N, C-alpha and C. Protein backbone atom coordinates (compact mmCIF):
# COMPACT_ATOMS: atom_id res chain seq x y z
N MET A 1 0.82 -1.20 0.00
CA MET A 1 0.00 0.00 0.00
C MET A 1 0.86 1.26 0.00
N ALA A 2 2.00 1.16 -0.59
CA ALA A 2 2.90 2.31 -0.65
C ALA A 2 2.23 3.49 -1.35
N ASN A 3 2.48 4.66 -0.84
CA ASN A 3 1.99 5.91 -1.42
C ASN A 3 0.48 6.10 -1.30
N LYS A 4 -0.23 5.25 -0.56
CA LYS A 4 -1.66 5.44 -0.36
C LYS A 4 -1.89 6.23 0.91
N GLN A 5 -2.93 7.06 0.90
CA GLN A 5 -3.30 7.82 2.08
C GLN A 5 -4.48 7.13 2.75
N THR A 6 -4.61 7.35 4.06
CA THR A 6 -5.80 6.87 4.74
C THR A 6 -6.98 7.72 4.27
N GLN A 7 -8.18 7.25 4.52
CA GLN A 7 -9.36 8.02 4.13
C GLN A 7 -9.39 9.36 4.85
N ALA A 8 -8.96 9.38 6.10
CA ALA A 8 -8.93 10.65 6.85
C ALA A 8 -7.91 11.62 6.25
N GLU A 9 -6.73 11.12 5.91
CA GLU A 9 -5.70 11.98 5.31
C GLU A 9 -6.16 12.56 3.97
N ALA A 10 -6.91 11.76 3.20
CA ALA A 10 -7.36 12.19 1.88
C ALA A 10 -8.66 13.00 1.95
N ASN A 11 -9.20 13.17 3.15
CA ASN A 11 -10.46 13.88 3.35
C ASN A 11 -11.58 13.23 2.52
N TYR A 12 -11.65 11.91 2.59
CA TYR A 12 -12.64 11.13 1.83
C TYR A 12 -14.02 11.31 2.46
N GLY A 13 -15.01 11.51 1.61
CA GLY A 13 -16.38 11.65 2.09
C GLY A 13 -17.37 11.58 0.94
N ARG A 14 -18.51 12.20 1.17
CA ARG A 14 -19.60 12.17 0.19
C ARG A 14 -19.24 12.97 -1.05
N GLY A 15 -19.44 12.37 -2.22
CA GLY A 15 -19.20 13.07 -3.48
C GLY A 15 -20.42 13.84 -3.92
N ASP A 16 -20.38 14.38 -5.10
CA ASP A 16 -21.53 15.07 -5.68
C ASP A 16 -21.66 14.62 -7.13
N PRO A 17 -22.71 15.04 -7.83
CA PRO A 17 -22.90 14.56 -9.20
C PRO A 17 -21.78 14.92 -10.18
N VAL A 18 -20.98 15.89 -9.85
CA VAL A 18 -19.92 16.34 -10.74
C VAL A 18 -18.56 15.76 -10.35
N SER A 19 -18.33 15.58 -9.07
CA SER A 19 -17.05 15.08 -8.56
C SER A 19 -17.30 13.87 -7.68
N HIS A 20 -16.96 12.69 -8.16
CA HIS A 20 -17.11 11.48 -7.36
C HIS A 20 -16.14 10.42 -7.86
N CYS A 21 -15.85 9.49 -7.00
CA CYS A 21 -14.84 8.47 -7.30
C CYS A 21 -15.11 7.69 -8.58
N GLY A 22 -16.36 7.47 -8.90
CA GLY A 22 -16.70 6.69 -10.09
C GLY A 22 -16.17 7.28 -11.38
N ILE A 23 -15.87 8.59 -11.39
CA ILE A 23 -15.33 9.24 -12.59
C ILE A 23 -13.92 9.77 -12.34
N CYS A 24 -13.27 9.24 -11.32
CA CYS A 24 -11.91 9.67 -10.99
C CYS A 24 -10.89 8.79 -11.70
N ALA A 25 -9.80 9.39 -12.11
CA ALA A 25 -8.73 8.67 -12.79
C ALA A 25 -8.08 7.61 -11.89
N PHE A 26 -8.20 7.76 -10.56
CA PHE A 26 -7.57 6.83 -9.64
C PHE A 26 -8.49 5.68 -9.19
N TYR A 27 -9.78 5.77 -9.52
CA TYR A 27 -10.72 4.71 -9.12
C TYR A 27 -10.47 3.48 -9.97
N MET A 28 -10.31 2.33 -9.31
CA MET A 28 -9.96 1.09 -9.99
C MET A 28 -11.15 0.14 -10.11
N GLY A 29 -12.31 0.55 -9.68
CA GLY A 29 -13.47 -0.34 -9.67
C GLY A 29 -13.43 -1.24 -8.45
N TYR A 30 -14.53 -1.96 -8.23
CA TYR A 30 -14.61 -2.91 -7.13
C TYR A 30 -14.23 -2.29 -5.78
N ARG A 31 -14.63 -1.01 -5.58
CA ARG A 31 -14.43 -0.29 -4.32
C ARG A 31 -12.94 -0.08 -3.97
N ARG A 32 -12.09 0.01 -5.01
CA ARG A 32 -10.66 0.20 -4.80
C ARG A 32 -10.17 1.49 -5.45
N CYS A 33 -9.19 2.11 -4.82
CA CYS A 33 -8.57 3.33 -5.32
C CYS A 33 -7.06 3.16 -5.27
N SER A 34 -6.38 3.69 -6.25
CA SER A 34 -4.91 3.57 -6.26
C SER A 34 -4.25 4.58 -5.33
N LYS A 35 -5.02 5.51 -4.77
CA LYS A 35 -4.44 6.55 -3.91
C LYS A 35 -4.95 6.53 -2.47
N VAL A 36 -6.12 5.90 -2.22
CA VAL A 36 -6.74 5.92 -0.90
C VAL A 36 -6.93 4.49 -0.40
N MET A 37 -6.60 4.26 0.88
CA MET A 37 -6.72 2.94 1.49
C MET A 37 -8.18 2.60 1.80
N GLY A 38 -8.46 1.31 1.87
CA GLY A 38 -9.76 0.82 2.30
C GLY A 38 -10.79 0.81 1.19
N ASN A 39 -12.02 0.43 1.57
CA ASN A 39 -13.12 0.42 0.61
C ASN A 39 -13.50 1.84 0.23
N VAL A 40 -13.67 2.08 -1.05
CA VAL A 40 -14.00 3.40 -1.59
C VAL A 40 -15.26 3.27 -2.44
N SER A 41 -16.27 4.03 -2.09
CA SER A 41 -17.51 4.01 -2.85
C SER A 41 -17.35 4.82 -4.13
N PRO A 42 -17.96 4.38 -5.23
CA PRO A 42 -17.91 5.19 -6.45
C PRO A 42 -18.66 6.52 -6.29
N PHE A 43 -19.45 6.65 -5.21
CA PHE A 43 -20.21 7.88 -4.96
C PHE A 43 -19.51 8.80 -3.97
N GLY A 44 -18.35 8.39 -3.46
CA GLY A 44 -17.57 9.22 -2.54
C GLY A 44 -16.63 10.11 -3.33
N VAL A 45 -15.81 10.87 -2.59
CA VAL A 45 -14.79 11.71 -3.22
C VAL A 45 -13.75 12.07 -2.17
N SER A 46 -12.54 12.35 -2.60
CA SER A 46 -11.49 12.80 -1.69
C SER A 46 -10.78 14.00 -2.29
N ASP A 47 -9.88 14.57 -1.50
CA ASP A 47 -9.10 15.72 -1.99
C ASP A 47 -8.16 15.33 -3.13
N LEU A 48 -7.96 14.04 -3.34
CA LEU A 48 -7.07 13.56 -4.40
C LEU A 48 -7.79 13.39 -5.73
N PHE A 49 -9.08 13.69 -5.77
CA PHE A 49 -9.90 13.51 -6.96
C PHE A 49 -9.27 14.16 -8.18
N LYS A 50 -9.23 13.40 -9.26
CA LYS A 50 -8.75 13.90 -10.55
C LYS A 50 -9.71 13.37 -11.62
N THR A 51 -10.39 14.26 -12.31
CA THR A 51 -11.37 13.84 -13.30
C THR A 51 -10.72 12.96 -14.35
N GLU A 52 -11.35 11.84 -14.60
CA GLU A 52 -10.88 10.93 -15.65
C GLU A 52 -10.96 11.66 -16.99
N ASN A 53 -10.00 11.44 -17.85
CA ASN A 53 -9.97 12.09 -19.16
C ASN A 53 -11.18 11.67 -19.99
N ASN A 54 -11.94 12.63 -20.47
CA ASN A 54 -13.11 12.36 -21.30
C ASN A 54 -12.71 12.59 -22.76
N PRO A 55 -12.73 11.57 -23.59
CA PRO A 55 -12.32 11.73 -24.98
C PRO A 55 -13.24 12.66 -25.78
N PHE A 56 -14.42 12.95 -25.25
CA PHE A 56 -15.36 13.82 -25.94
C PHE A 56 -15.25 15.27 -25.48
N GLY A 57 -14.32 15.55 -24.58
CA GLY A 57 -14.13 16.91 -24.07
C GLY A 57 -15.12 17.25 -22.97
N ARG A 58 -15.15 18.52 -22.61
CA ARG A 58 -16.05 18.98 -21.55
C ARG A 58 -17.49 18.79 -21.98
N THR A 59 -18.28 18.25 -21.08
CA THR A 59 -19.69 18.04 -21.40
C THR A 59 -20.60 19.05 -20.72
N LEU A 60 -20.08 19.75 -19.71
CA LEU A 60 -20.86 20.75 -18.98
C LEU A 60 -20.13 22.08 -18.98
N ALA A 61 -20.88 23.14 -19.12
CA ALA A 61 -20.31 24.49 -19.07
C ALA A 61 -20.07 24.86 -17.60
N PRO A 62 -19.17 25.81 -17.33
CA PRO A 62 -18.87 26.20 -15.95
C PRO A 62 -20.12 26.58 -15.15
N ALA A 63 -21.05 27.32 -15.74
CA ALA A 63 -22.26 27.72 -15.02
C ALA A 63 -23.11 26.50 -14.67
N GLU A 64 -23.12 25.50 -15.54
CA GLU A 64 -23.87 24.27 -15.25
C GLU A 64 -23.23 23.50 -14.09
N LEU A 65 -21.92 23.47 -14.07
CA LEU A 65 -21.21 22.81 -12.97
C LEU A 65 -21.55 23.46 -11.64
N VAL A 66 -21.55 24.78 -11.59
CA VAL A 66 -21.88 25.52 -10.37
C VAL A 66 -23.30 25.20 -9.93
N ALA A 67 -24.25 25.22 -10.86
CA ALA A 67 -25.65 24.96 -10.53
C ALA A 67 -25.84 23.54 -9.99
N ILE A 68 -25.20 22.57 -10.60
CA ILE A 68 -25.31 21.18 -10.15
C ILE A 68 -24.72 21.02 -8.76
N ARG A 69 -23.58 21.62 -8.51
CA ARG A 69 -22.95 21.52 -7.18
C ARG A 69 -23.83 22.19 -6.11
N ARG A 70 -24.45 23.32 -6.44
CA ARG A 70 -25.34 23.99 -5.48
C ARG A 70 -26.55 23.10 -5.17
N MET A 71 -27.14 22.49 -6.20
CA MET A 71 -28.29 21.61 -5.97
C MET A 71 -27.90 20.42 -5.11
N ALA A 72 -26.74 19.83 -5.35
CA ALA A 72 -26.29 18.68 -4.58
C ALA A 72 -26.02 19.08 -3.13
N ALA A 73 -25.42 20.24 -2.92
CA ALA A 73 -25.16 20.71 -1.55
C ALA A 73 -26.46 20.98 -0.81
N ASP A 74 -27.42 21.56 -1.51
CA ASP A 74 -28.73 21.85 -0.90
C ASP A 74 -29.42 20.53 -0.52
N ALA A 75 -29.36 19.55 -1.39
CA ALA A 75 -29.98 18.25 -1.10
C ALA A 75 -29.30 17.58 0.10
N ALA A 76 -27.99 17.67 0.20
CA ALA A 76 -27.26 17.09 1.33
C ALA A 76 -27.65 17.81 2.62
N ASP A 77 -27.78 19.13 2.58
CA ASP A 77 -28.19 19.89 3.76
C ASP A 77 -29.58 19.48 4.22
N ARG A 78 -30.47 19.25 3.29
CA ARG A 78 -31.84 18.88 3.63
C ARG A 78 -31.98 17.45 4.13
N SER A 79 -31.03 16.59 3.73
CA SER A 79 -31.11 15.19 4.14
C SER A 79 -30.42 14.93 5.47
N GLY A 80 -29.73 15.96 5.96
CA GLY A 80 -29.00 15.78 7.22
C GLY A 80 -27.65 15.12 7.03
N GLY A 81 -27.24 14.95 5.74
CA GLY A 81 -25.97 14.27 5.45
C GLY A 81 -24.97 15.26 5.18
């Protein structure tokens, strides 16, 4: 497990629709990450998040990204999570 951080060190937690482990370059599938120790949900995220390269380029405009993140934060606040 050389060069891996603990979940606490990586600030691993709840992801959002725009930034989550399932679309991270380091996510290896099967709840594994090449940078973070332990089980990692594809719906989580850490400070090490790096968007996987999309061969089709950017799919969302900056304003859309902001709106989606605001909606996700609002939903998390309302759910108590």
